[in-house]
C-alpha atoms as a PDB file:
ATOM      1  CA  MET A   1     -54.998 -23.258  33.159  1.00  0.00           C
ATOM      2  CA  MET A   2     -52.794 -20.840  30.824  1.00  0.00           C
ATOM      3  CA  LEU A   3     -52.255 -17.396  32.587  1.00  0.00           C
ATOM      4  CA  PRO A   4     -52.124 -14.559  30.270  1.00  0.00           C
ATOM      5  CA  PHE A   5     -48.168 -13.455  29.842  1.00  0.00           C
ATOM      6  CA  ASN A   6     -48.010 -10.668  32.118  1.00  0.00           C
ATOM      7  CA  LEU A   7     -49.306 -12.858  34.978  1.00  0.00           C
ATOM      8  CA  ASP A   8     -47.223 -15.846  34.384  1.00  0.00           C
ATOM      9  CA  PRO A   9     -44.780 -16.262  37.867  1.00  0.00           C
ATOM     10  CA  ALA A  10     -41.958 -17.806  35.001  1.00  0.00           C
ATOM     11  CA  VAL A  11     -42.170 -14.590  32.820  1.00  0.00           C
ATOM     12  CA  ILE A  12     -42.262 -12.411  35.545  1.00  0.00           C
ATOM     13  CA  SER A  13     -39.449 -13.715  37.011  1.00  0.00           C
ATOM     14  CA  TRP A  14     -37.401 -13.682  33.596  1.00  0.00           C
ATOM     15  CA  THR A  15     -38.075 -10.280  32.999  1.00  0.00           C
ATOM     16  CA  TYR A  16     -37.049  -9.289  36.575  1.00  0.00           C
ATOM     17  CA  LEU A  17     -34.043 -11.146  35.970  1.00  0.00           C
ATOM     18  CA  MET A  18     -33.026  -9.324  32.881  1.00  0.00           C
ATOM     19  CA  GLU A  19     -33.886  -6.025  34.195  1.00  0.00           C
ATOM     20  CA  PHE A  20     -31.607  -6.785  37.477  1.00  0.00           C
ATOM     21  CA  VAL A  21     -28.702  -8.066  35.014  1.00  0.00           C
ATOM     22  CA  LEU A  22     -29.048  -4.526  33.135  1.00  0.00           C
ATOM     23  CA  VAL A  23     -30.135  -2.093  35.909  1.00  0.00           C
ATOM     24  CA  VAL A  24     -27.955  -3.047  38.689  1.00  0.00           C
ATOM     25  CA  PRO A  25     -24.384  -2.812  36.918  1.00  0.00           C
ATOM     26  CA  LEU A  26     -25.638   0.512  35.459  1.00  0.00           C
ATOM     27  CA  ALA A  27     -26.754   2.088  38.493  1.00  0.00           C
ATOM     28  CA  ALA A  28     -23.460   0.839  40.091  1.00  0.00           C
ATOM     29  CA  LEU A  29     -21.460   2.637  37.273  1.00  0.00           C
ATOM     30  CA  ALA A  30     -23.391   5.835  37.427  1.00  0.00           C
ATOM     31  CA  LEU A  31     -23.046   5.863  41.605  1.00  0.00           C
ATOM     32  CA  ARG A  32     -19.032   5.183  41.480  1.00  0.00           C
ATOM     33  CA  LYS A  33     -16.924   8.131  41.135  1.00  0.00           C
ATOM     34  CA  PRO A  34     -13.285   8.297  40.516  1.00  0.00           C
ATOM     35  CA  ASN A  35     -11.271   6.589  43.357  1.00  0.00           C
ATOM     36  CA  GLN A  36     -14.051   5.181  44.814  1.00  0.00           C
ATOM     37  CA  SER A  37     -14.789   1.304  45.915  1.00  0.00           C
ATOM     38  CA  TRP A  38     -17.837  -0.623  44.631  1.00  0.00           C
ATOM     39  CA  GLN A  39     -18.512  -0.936  48.104  1.00  0.00           C
ATOM     40  CA  GLU A  40     -18.634   2.716  49.041  1.00  0.00           C
ATOM     41  CA  ALA A  41     -20.799   3.888  45.568  1.00  0.00           C
ATOM     42  CA  LEU A  42     -23.166   1.182  46.791  1.00  0.00           C
ATOM     43  CA  LEU A  43     -23.222   2.162  50.776  1.00  0.00           C
ATOM     44  CA  LEU A  44     -22.169  -1.565  51.678  1.00  0.00           C
ATOM     45  CA  ASN A  45     -20.814   0.058  54.705  1.00  0.00           C
ATOM     46  CA  PRO A  46     -21.176  -2.052  58.212  1.00  0.00           C
ATOM     47  CA  VAL A  47     -24.304  -1.421  60.512  1.00  0.00           C
ATOM     48  CA  PRO A  48     -23.768  -2.012  64.376  1.00  0.00           C
ATOM     49  CA  ILE A  49     -25.477  -5.099  65.590  1.00  0.00           C
ATOM     50  CA  ARG A  50     -27.516  -3.050  67.940  1.00  0.00           C
ATOM     51  CA  THR A  51     -28.905  -0.616  65.275  1.00  0.00           C
ATOM     52  CA  LEU A  52     -29.433  -3.641  62.815  1.00  0.00           C
ATOM     53  CA  VAL A  53     -31.674  -5.266  65.758  1.00  0.00           C
ATOM     54  CA  LEU A  54     -33.632  -1.742  66.173  1.00  0.00           C
ATOM     55  CA  TRP A  55     -34.477  -1.500  62.401  1.00  0.00           C
ATOM     56  CA  LEU A  56     -35.417  -5.255  62.314  1.00  0.00           C
ATOM     57  CA  GLY A  57     -37.881  -4.672  65.722  1.00  0.00           C
ATOM     58  CA  LEU A  58     -39.295  -1.808  63.853  1.00  0.00           C
ATOM     59  CA  LEU A  59     -39.730  -4.099  60.735  1.00  0.00           C
ATOM     60  CA  PHE A  60     -41.190  -6.787  63.008  1.00  0.00           C
ATOM     61  CA  ILE A  61     -43.912  -4.172  64.346  1.00  0.00           C
ATOM     62  CA  TYR A  62     -44.649  -2.903  60.751  1.00  0.00           C
ATOM     63  CA  LEU A  63     -45.360  -6.959  59.643  1.00  0.00           C
ATOM     64  CA  LEU A  64     -47.591  -7.139  62.642  1.00  0.00           C
ATOM     65  CA  LEU A  65     -49.390  -4.195  62.032  1.00  0.00           C
ATOM     66  CA  ALA A  66     -49.449  -4.638  58.266  1.00  0.00           C
ATOM     67  CA  THR A  67     -50.721  -8.309  58.795  1.00  0.00           C
ATOM     68  CA  LEU A  68     -53.236  -7.186  60.846  1.00  0.00           C
ATOM     69  CA  CYS A  69     -54.524  -4.346  58.696  1.00  0.00           C
ATOM     70  CA  ILE A  70     -54.687  -6.789  55.852  1.00  0.00           C
ATOM     71  CA  TRP A  71     -56.662  -9.350  57.572  1.00  0.00           C
ATOM     72  CA  LEU A  72     -59.386  -6.981  59.385  1.00  0.00           C
ATOM     73  CA  LEU A  73     -59.945  -5.123  55.874  1.00  0.00           C
ATOM     74  CA  PRO A  74     -62.181  -6.461  53.425  1.00  0.00           C
ATOM     75  CA  LEU A  75     -59.780  -6.419  50.358  1.00  0.00           C
ATOM     76  CA  SER A  76     -60.178  -7.520  47.030  1.00  0.00           C
ATOM     77  CA  SER A  77     -57.511  -9.297  45.082  1.00  0.00           C
ATOM     78  CA  THR A  78     -55.838  -8.180  42.028  1.00  0.00           C
ATOM     79  CA  PRO A  79     -55.404 -10.682  38.938  1.00  0.00           C
ATOM     80  CA  PHE A  80     -51.783 -10.391  39.773  1.00  0.00           C
ATOM     81  CA  MET A  81     -52.238 -11.661  43.361  1.00  0.00           C
ATOM     82  CA  GLN A  82     -54.667 -14.258  42.089  1.00  0.00           C
ATOM     83  CA  ALA A  83     -52.095 -15.555  39.742  1.00  0.00           C
ATOM     84  CA  LEU A  84     -49.361 -15.963  42.748  1.00  0.00           C
ATOM     85  CA  ARG A  85     -51.563 -17.287  45.516  1.00  0.00           C
ATOM     86  CA  GLY A  86     -50.659 -20.908  46.349  1.00  0.00           C
ATOM     87  CA  SER A  87     -48.449 -21.082  42.934  1.00  0.00           C
ATOM     88  CA  GLN A  88     -45.200 -22.283  44.896  1.00  0.00           C
ATOM     89  CA  HIS A  89     -43.556 -21.179  42.068  1.00  0.00           C
ATOM     90  CA  LEU A  90     -39.507 -21.456  42.858  1.00  0.00           C
ATOM     91  CA  GLY A  91     -38.178 -18.879  40.531  1.00  0.00           C
ATOM     92  CA  PHE A  92     -40.848 -16.039  41.360  1.00  0.00           C
ATOM     93  CA  SER A  93     -40.372 -16.623  45.034  1.00  0.00           C
ATOM     94  CA  LEU A  94     -36.181 -16.418  44.769  1.00  0.00           C
ATOM     95  CA  THR A  95     -36.824 -13.014  42.269  1.00  0.00           C
ATOM     96  CA  ALA A  96     -38.961 -11.615  45.334  1.00  0.00           C
ATOM     97  CA  VAL A  97     -36.809 -12.301  47.981  1.00  0.00           C
ATOM     98  CA  ILE A  98     -33.360 -11.757  46.668  1.00  0.00           C
ATOM     99  CA  LEU A  99     -33.491  -9.885  43.207  1.00  0.00           C
ATOM    100  CA  ALA A 100     -36.194  -7.421  44.224  1.00  0.00           C
ATOM    101  CA  PRO A 101     -35.067  -6.201  47.253  1.00  0.00           C
ATOM    102  CA  LEU A 102     -31.554  -5.668  45.855  1.00  0.00           C
ATOM    103  CA  MET A 103     -32.544  -4.007  42.850  1.00  0.00           C
ATOM    104  CA  GLU A 104     -35.192  -1.679  44.645  1.00  0.00           C
ATOM    105  CA  GLU A 105     -33.130  -0.890  47.188  1.00  0.00           C
ATOM    106  CA  ILE A 106     -30.261   0.283  44.812  1.00  0.00           C
ATOM    107  CA  VAL A 107     -32.716   2.479  42.397  1.00  0.00           C
ATOM    108  CA  PHE A 108     -34.791   3.972  45.144  1.00  0.00           C
ATOM    109  CA  ARG A 109     -32.595   4.185  48.197  1.00  0.00           C
ATOM    110  CA  VAL A 110     -29.151   4.891  46.718  1.00  0.00           C
ATOM    111  CA  CYS A 111     -29.469   6.270  43.739  1.00  0.00           C
ATOM    112  CA  GLY A 112     -32.936   8.033  44.237  1.00  0.00           C
ATOM    113  CA  VAL A 113     -31.740   9.361  47.760  1.00  0.00           C
ATOM    114  CA  GLN A 114     -28.579  10.782  45.981  1.00  0.00           C
ATOM    115  CA  LEU A 115     -30.233  12.343  43.165  1.00  0.00           C
ATOM    116  CA  CYS A 116     -32.539  13.924  45.710  1.00  0.00           C
ATOM    117  CA  ARG A 117     -29.383  15.490  47.714  1.00  0.00           C
ATOM    118  CA  LYS A 118     -28.200  16.475  44.554  1.00  0.00           C
ATOM    119  CA  ALA A 119     -31.248  18.594  44.076  1.00  0.00           C
ATOM    120  CA  GLY A 120     -30.902  19.734  47.346  1.00  0.00           C
ATOM    121  CA  LEU A 121     -34.295  18.581  48.158  1.00  0.00           C
ATOM    122  CA  GLY A 122     -34.648  17.806  52.053  1.00  0.00           C
ATOM    123  CA  LEU A 123     -35.118  14.736  53.871  1.00  0.00           C
ATOM    124  CA  ILE A 124     -39.051  14.926  53.796  1.00  0.00           C
ATOM    125  CA  PHE A 125     -39.222  15.458  50.278  1.00  0.00           C
ATOM    126  CA  THR A 126     -36.611  12.920  49.685  1.00  0.00           C
ATOM    127  CA  LEU A 127     -38.461  10.150  51.307  1.00  0.00           C
ATOM    128  CA  LEU A 128     -41.542  11.319  50.267  1.00  0.00           C
ATOM    129  CA  LEU A 129     -40.461  11.405  46.609  1.00  0.00           C
ATOM    130  CA  THR A 130     -38.667   7.815  46.715  1.00  0.00           C
ATOM    131  CA  SER A 131     -41.564   5.887  48.549  1.00  0.00           C
ATOM    132  CA  SER A 132     -43.810   7.509  46.202  1.00  0.00           C
ATOM    133  CA  LEU A 133     -41.844   6.102  43.004  1.00  0.00           C
ATOM    134  CA  PHE A 134     -41.537   2.713  44.997  1.00  0.00           C
ATOM    135  CA  VAL A 135     -45.299   2.531  45.207  1.00  0.00           C
ATOM    136  CA  LEU A 136     -45.520   3.315  41.356  1.00  0.00           C
ATOM    137  CA  ILE A 137     -43.658   0.159  40.405  1.00  0.00           C
ATOM    138  CA  HIS A 138     -45.956  -2.100  42.625  1.00  0.00           C
ATOM    139  CA  PHE A 139     -49.024   0.023  41.123  1.00  0.00           C
ATOM    140  CA  SER A 140     -50.424  -2.857  38.989  1.00  0.00           C
ATOM    141  CA  GLN A 141     -49.824  -5.602  41.423  1.00  0.00           C
ATOM    142  CA  TYR A 142     -52.002  -4.295  44.644  1.00  0.00           C
ATOM    143  CA  THR A 143     -55.257  -2.623  45.760  1.00  0.00           C
ATOM    144  CA  VAL A 144     -55.037   0.774  47.414  1.00  0.00           C
ATOM    145  CA  PRO A 145     -54.964  -0.055  50.814  1.00  0.00           C
ATOM    146  CA  VAL A 146     -51.782  -2.494  50.128  1.00  0.00           C
ATOM    147  CA  LEU A 147     -50.429   0.351  48.053  1.00  0.00           C
ATOM    148  CA  LEU A 148     -50.787   2.740  51.249  1.00  0.00           C
ATOM    149  CA  LEU A 149     -48.937   0.035  53.402  1.00  0.00           C
ATOM    150  CA  ILE A 150     -45.899  -0.269  50.455  1.00  0.00           C
ATOM    151  CA  PHE A 151     -45.681   3.756  50.739  1.00  0.00           C
ATOM    152  CA  THR A 152     -45.401   3.277  54.538  1.00  0.00           C
ATOM    153  CA  PHE A 153     -42.654   0.557  53.968  1.00  0.00           C
ATOM    154  CA  GLY A 154     -40.846   2.712  51.635  1.00  0.00           C
ATOM    155  CA  LEU A 155     -40.747   5.616  53.995  1.00  0.00           C
ATOM    156  CA  MET A 156     -39.133   2.887  56.684  1.00  0.00           C
ATOM    157  CA  LEU A 157     -36.677   1.871  54.287  1.00  0.00           C
ATOM    158  CA  GLY A 158     -35.681   5.362  53.454  1.00  0.00           C
ATOM    159  CA  LEU A 159     -35.226   6.125  56.754  1.00  0.00           C
ATOM    160  CA  ALA A 160     -33.183   2.906  57.677  1.00  0.00           C
ATOM    161  CA  ARG A 161     -31.050   3.664  54.487  1.00  0.00           C
ATOM    162  CA  ILE A 162     -30.378   7.282  55.662  1.00  0.00           C
ATOM    163  CA  TYR A 163     -29.764   6.809  59.617  1.00  0.00           C
ATOM    164  CA  THR A 164     -27.397   3.812  58.783  1.00  0.00           C
ATOM    165  CA  ASP A 165     -25.604   5.180  56.105  1.00  0.00           C
ATOM    166  CA  SER A 166     -25.727   1.954  54.468  1.00  0.00           C
ATOM    167  CA  LEU A 167     -27.786  -0.212  51.999  1.00  0.00           C
ATOM    168  CA  LEU A 168     -27.506  -3.207  53.911  1.00  0.00           C
ATOM    169  CA  THR A 169     -29.849  -2.213  56.531  1.00  0.00           C
ATOM    170  CA  PRO A 170     -33.094  -1.741  53.947  1.00  0.00           C
ATOM    171  CA  VAL A 171     -32.077  -4.596  51.983  1.00  0.00           C
ATOM    172  CA  LEU A 172     -32.377  -7.018  54.911  1.00  0.00           C
ATOM    173  CA  MET A 173     -35.427  -5.324  55.704  1.00  0.00           C
ATOM    174  CA  HIS A 174     -36.946  -5.584  52.575  1.00  0.00           C
ATOM    175  CA  THR A 175     -35.830  -9.238  52.069  1.00  0.00           C
ATOM    176  CA  ILE A 176     -37.335 -10.414  55.218  1.00  0.00           C
ATOM    177  CA  ASN A 177     -40.417  -8.384  54.369  1.00  0.00           C
ATOM    178  CA  ASN A 178     -40.649 -10.131  50.805  1.00  0.00           C
ATOM    179  CA  LEU A 179     -40.049 -13.733  52.482  1.00  0.00           C
ATOM    180  CA  TYR A 180     -42.774 -13.322  54.936  1.00  0.00           C
ATOM    181  CA  ALA A 181     -44.985 -12.149  52.105  1.00  0.00           C
ATOM    182  CA  VAL A 182     -43.596 -15.042  49.729  1.00  0.00           C
ATOM    183  CA  LEU A 183     -44.468 -17.802  52.352  1.00  0.00           C
ATOM    184  CA  LEU A 184     -47.493 -16.389  53.283  1.00  0.00           C
ATOM    185  CA  ILE A 185     -49.170 -15.780  49.304  1.00  0.00           C
ATOM    186  CA  ILE A 186     -47.021 -18.251  47.099  1.00  0.00           C
ATOM    187  CA  TRP A 187     -46.367 -20.984  49.425  1.00  0.00           C
ATOM    188  CA  ALA A 188     -49.256 -21.034  51.746  1.00  0.00           C
ATOM    189  CA  GLY A 189     -51.953 -19.773  49.595  1.00  0.00           C
ATOM    190  CA  VAL A 190     -53.239 -16.958  52.168  1.00  0.00           C
ATOM    191  CA  GLY A 191     -54.794 -14.119  49.992  1.00  0.00           C
ATOM    192  CA  VAL A 192     -54.471 -10.553  49.188  1.00  0.00           C
END
């Protein structure tokens, strides 16, 4: 079956790769101050293992609750999810697990949070704004109940970024979340 251009996992993967190649270096350049290392600019600060385990525990609780909500609520599926369900597309899987978390966390949790702070916005408004923008980039892919879960996930990623002062924690959390979704939806064919 021939998929519409915008639903083809190969097209989505290549498009995301091109966005990644353009956006990540530009974001890194924009974030970097004179005499600042790339690690400092991108907030690649080490996180104590105990702190990381705490955030991963919170992620596990979120994934458990989100999975229960998705299985218990009668949800319709979007054409995007129908195209991916059971496709076992390796390129899209790698994009979703590696590129998407890295690029989205740089854009929303590093650039977004820093822009909000420069604008003098408080913690709550910063979290609400960056989480809302995070939902907007997923808007055409999911139904409203799933978008609410994504908003909650965005809040959690924002809190992890702010409280650990590191990009590493939200990237790892986002990667694990997407790996879980890819295994269920793309490889096992479980629907959303």
